[in-house]
C-alpha atoms as a PDB file:
ATOM      1  CA  MET A   1      80.868  85.599  76.020  1.00  0.00           C
ATOM      2  CA  PHE A   2      81.730  86.035  72.329  1.00  0.00           C
ATOM      3  CA  ASN A   3      85.415  86.869  72.004  1.00  0.00           C
ATOM      4  CA  SER A   4      85.889  87.399  75.735  1.00  0.00           C
ATOM      5  CA  ILE A   5      88.604  84.763  76.159  1.00  0.00           C
ATOM      6  CA  SER A   6      90.433  85.881  73.019  1.00  0.00           C
ATOM      7  CA  ASN A   7      90.216  89.514  74.136  1.00  0.00           C
ATOM      8  CA  ILE A   8      91.682  88.617  77.538  1.00  0.00           C
ATOM      9  CA  VAL A   9      94.545  86.701  75.901  1.00  0.00           C
ATOM     10  CA  ILE A  10      95.144  89.536  73.413  1.00  0.00           C
ATOM     11  CA  ALA A  11      95.173  92.087  76.241  1.00  0.00           C
ATOM     12  CA  LEU A  12      97.745  89.935  78.069  1.00  0.00           C
ATOM     13  CA  ILE A  13      99.876  89.831  74.914  1.00  0.00           C
ATOM     14  CA  ALA A  14      99.630  93.631  74.774  1.00  0.00           C
ATOM     15  CA  LEU A  15     100.798  93.815  78.400  1.00  0.00           C
ATOM     16  CA  LEU A  16     103.722  91.537  77.524  1.00  0.00           C
ATOM     17  CA  HIS A  17     104.739  93.958  74.783  1.00  0.00           C
ATOM     18  CA  ILE A  18     104.434  96.905  77.152  1.00  0.00           C
ATOM     19  CA  TYR A  19     106.764  95.019  79.495  1.00  0.00           C
ATOM     20  CA  ILE A  20     109.182  94.441  76.606  1.00  0.00           C
ATOM     21  CA  LEU A  21     108.940  98.171  75.792  1.00  0.00           C
ATOM     22  CA  VAL A  22     109.980  99.032  79.360  1.00  0.00           C
ATOM     23  CA  LEU A  23     112.844  96.539  79.282  1.00  0.00           C
ATOM     24  CA  GLU A  24     114.145  97.765  75.926  1.00  0.00           C
ATOM     25  CA  MET A  25     113.582 101.507  76.300  1.00  0.00           C
ATOM     26  CA  PHE A  26     114.321 102.110  79.972  1.00  0.00           C
ATOM     27  CA  LEU A  27     116.046  99.083  81.522  1.00  0.00           C
ATOM     28  CA  TRP A  28     118.238  97.852  78.659  1.00  0.00           C
ATOM     29  CA  ASP A  29     121.532  98.808  80.309  1.00  0.00           C
ATOM     30  CA  LYS A  30     120.306  98.234  83.869  1.00  0.00           C
ATOM     31  CA  PRO A  31     120.741  94.896  85.670  1.00  0.00           C
ATOM     32  CA  ALA A  32     117.134  93.786  84.974  1.00  0.00           C
ATOM     33  CA  GLY A  33     117.435  94.501  81.266  1.00  0.00           C
ATOM     34  CA  ARG A  34     120.870  92.930  80.927  1.00  0.00           C
ATOM     35  CA  ARG A  35     119.640  89.846  82.782  1.00  0.00           C
ATOM     36  CA  ALA A  36     116.508  89.568  80.609  1.00  0.00           C
ATOM     37  CA  PHE A  37     118.474  89.754  77.370  1.00  0.00           C
ATOM     38  CA  GLY A  38     121.756  88.223  78.515  1.00  0.00           C
ATOM     39  CA  HIS A  39     123.950  91.194  77.612  1.00  0.00           C
ATOM     40  CA  THR A  40     127.115  92.434  79.204  1.00  0.00           C
ATOM     41  CA  ALA A  41     127.248  96.025  80.414  1.00  0.00           C
ATOM     42  CA  GLU A  42     129.435  96.922  77.441  1.00  0.00           C
ATOM     43  CA  MET A  43     127.130  95.310  74.891  1.00  0.00           C
ATOM     44  CA  ALA A  44     124.070  96.947  76.471  1.00  0.00           C
ATOM     45  CA  ALA A  45     125.717 100.366  76.436  1.00  0.00           C
ATOM     46  CA  ALA A  46     126.721  99.992  72.790  1.00  0.00           C
ATOM     47  CA  SER A  47     123.239  98.920  71.667  1.00  0.00           C
ATOM     48  CA  LYS A  48     121.092 101.099  73.934  1.00  0.00           C
ATOM     49  CA  ILE A  49     119.764 103.358  71.137  1.00  0.00           C
ATOM     50  CA  LEU A  50     118.850 100.392  68.933  1.00  0.00           C
ATOM     51  CA  ALA A  51     117.088  98.719  71.845  1.00  0.00           C
ATOM     52  CA  ALA A  52     115.056 101.851  72.558  1.00  0.00           C
ATOM     53  CA  ASN A  53     113.919 101.835  68.930  1.00  0.00           C
ATOM     54  CA  GLN A  54     112.871  98.186  69.263  1.00  0.00           C
ATOM     55  CA  GLY A  55     111.007  99.057  72.443  1.00  0.00           C
ATOM     56  CA  LEU A  56     109.088 101.784  70.685  1.00  0.00           C
ATOM     57  CA  TYR A  57     107.966  99.304  68.024  1.00  0.00           C
ATOM     58  CA  ASN A  58     106.792  96.938  70.759  1.00  0.00           C
ATOM     59  CA  GLY A  59     104.774  99.805  72.179  1.00  0.00           C
ATOM     60  CA  PHE A  60     103.080 100.323  68.813  1.00  0.00           C
ATOM     61  CA  LEU A  61     102.221  96.623  68.686  1.00  0.00           C
ATOM     62  CA  ALA A  62     100.717  96.799  72.169  1.00  0.00           C
ATOM     63  CA  ALA A  63      98.741  99.927  71.289  1.00  0.00           C
ATOM     64  CA  GLY A  64      97.359  98.249  68.180  1.00  0.00           C
ATOM     65  CA  LEU A  65      96.258  95.197  70.139  1.00  0.00           C
ATOM     66  CA  LEU A  66      94.590  97.315  72.823  1.00  0.00           C
ATOM     67  CA  TRP A  67      92.845  99.348  70.126  1.00  0.00           C
ATOM     68  CA  GLY A  68      91.487  96.142  68.617  1.00  0.00           C
ATOM     69  CA  VAL A  69      90.321  94.877  72.022  1.00  0.00           C
ATOM     70  CA  TYR A  70      88.656  98.227  72.707  1.00  0.00           C
ATOM     71  CA  LEU A  71      86.701  97.933  69.454  1.00  0.00           C
ATOM     72  CA  GLY A  72      85.484  94.453  70.367  1.00  0.00           C
ATOM     73  CA  ALA A  73      84.096  92.464  67.431  1.00  0.00           C
ATOM     74  CA  ALA A  74      84.574  95.488  65.157  1.00  0.00           C
ATOM     75  CA  GLY A  75      88.331  95.290  65.875  1.00  0.00           C
ATOM     76  CA  PHE A  76      88.708  91.768  64.473  1.00  0.00           C
ATOM     77  CA  ASP A  77      90.846  92.810  61.477  1.00  0.00           C
ATOM     78  CA  ILE A  78      92.987  95.094  63.637  1.00  0.00           C
ATOM     79  CA  LYS A  79      93.666  92.283  66.104  1.00  0.00           C
ATOM     80  CA  VAL A  80      94.511  89.900  63.266  1.00  0.00           C
ATOM     81  CA  PHE A  81      96.905  92.430  61.731  1.00  0.00           C
ATOM     82  CA  PHE A  82      98.811  93.186  64.939  1.00  0.00           C
ATOM     83  CA  LEU A  83      98.925  89.558  66.106  1.00  0.00           C
ATOM     84  CA  THR A  84     100.254  88.576  62.676  1.00  0.00           C
ATOM     85  CA  CYS A  85     102.923  91.290  62.920  1.00  0.00           C
ATOM     86  CA  ILE A  86     103.961  89.899  66.297  1.00  0.00           C
ATOM     87  CA  LEU A  87     103.943  86.329  64.982  1.00  0.00           C
ATOM     88  CA  VAL A  88     106.148  87.219  62.002  1.00  0.00           C
ATOM     89  CA  ALA A  89     108.534  89.247  64.183  1.00  0.00           C
ATOM     90  CA  GLY A  90     108.661  86.414  66.725  1.00  0.00           C
ATOM     91  CA  VAL A  91     109.437  83.787  64.096  1.00  0.00           C
ATOM     92  CA  TYR A  92     112.088  86.009  62.514  1.00  0.00           C
ATOM     93  CA  GLY A  93     113.641  86.771  65.907  1.00  0.00           C
ATOM     94  CA  GLY A  94     113.485  83.121  66.892  1.00  0.00           C
ATOM     95  CA  PHE A  95     115.499  82.094  63.857  1.00  0.00           C
ATOM     96  CA  THR A  96     117.902  85.038  63.714  1.00  0.00           C
ATOM     97  CA  ALA A  97     118.467  86.008  67.354  1.00  0.00           C
ATOM     98  CA  LYS A  98     117.334  83.555  70.051  1.00  0.00           C
ATOM     99  CA  ARG A  99     115.073  80.510  69.838  1.00  0.00           C
ATOM    100  CA  LYS A 100     113.473  81.634  73.103  1.00  0.00           C
ATOM    101  CA  ILE A 101     111.695  84.405  71.155  1.00  0.00           C
ATOM    102  CA  LEU A 102     109.575  81.735  69.483  1.00  0.00           C
ATOM    103  CA  LEU A 103     108.087  80.893  72.885  1.00  0.00           C
ATOM    104  CA  ILE A 104     107.914  84.420  74.262  1.00  0.00           C
ATOM    105  CA  GLN A 105     106.495  86.241  71.222  1.00  0.00           C
ATOM    106  CA  ALA A 106     105.471  83.916  68.406  1.00  0.00           C
ATOM    107  CA  ALA A 107     103.633  81.284  70.460  1.00  0.00           C
ATOM    108  CA  PRO A 108     101.367  83.749  72.329  1.00  0.00           C
ATOM    109  CA  ALA A 109     100.534  85.508  69.049  1.00  0.00           C
ATOM    110  CA  CYS A 110      99.696  82.168  67.453  1.00  0.00           C
ATOM    111  CA  ILE A 111      97.457  81.267  70.400  1.00  0.00           C
ATOM    112  CA  GLY A 112      95.766  84.680  70.210  1.00  0.00           C
ATOM    113  CA  LEU A 113      95.112  84.244  66.495  1.00  0.00           C
ATOM    114  CA  ALA A 114      93.729  80.742  67.015  1.00  0.00           C
ATOM    115  CA  LEU A 115      91.366  81.904  69.744  1.00  0.00           C
ATOM    116  CA  LEU A 116      90.306  84.860  67.627  1.00  0.00           C
ATOM    117  CA  PHE A 117      89.466  82.711  64.619  1.00  0.00           C
ATOM    118  CA  LEU A 118      87.749  80.112  66.809  1.00  0.00           C
ATOM    119  CA  LYS A 119      85.645  82.995  68.158  1.00  0.00           C
ATOM    120  CA  VAL A 120      86.380  81.990  71.748  1.00  0.00           C
END
């Protein structure tokens, strides 16, 4: 049971970042992507390359989390590192872009870190 709940939560956070990767890399200028991020067609077209870059970074975050989960207890430091990266990015995005990012990115990372340190 050790770390099973935290590993499930961390895996779900990784899946969230894979979803964000898909939205940013492949659906940014499509209706689903524009709806998710609240962009006009013109704004989405103008920022498509930047969004794809952001999506790639989200993929790296997801890969790091899944690597840590795969390693189990031995991946503790890896999980802490990648969750902290997500937390910092979420806080920064929440204050510089949209407050909603605090709930979508920062809060899950904070919960994952808490569960990890509580050894749940």
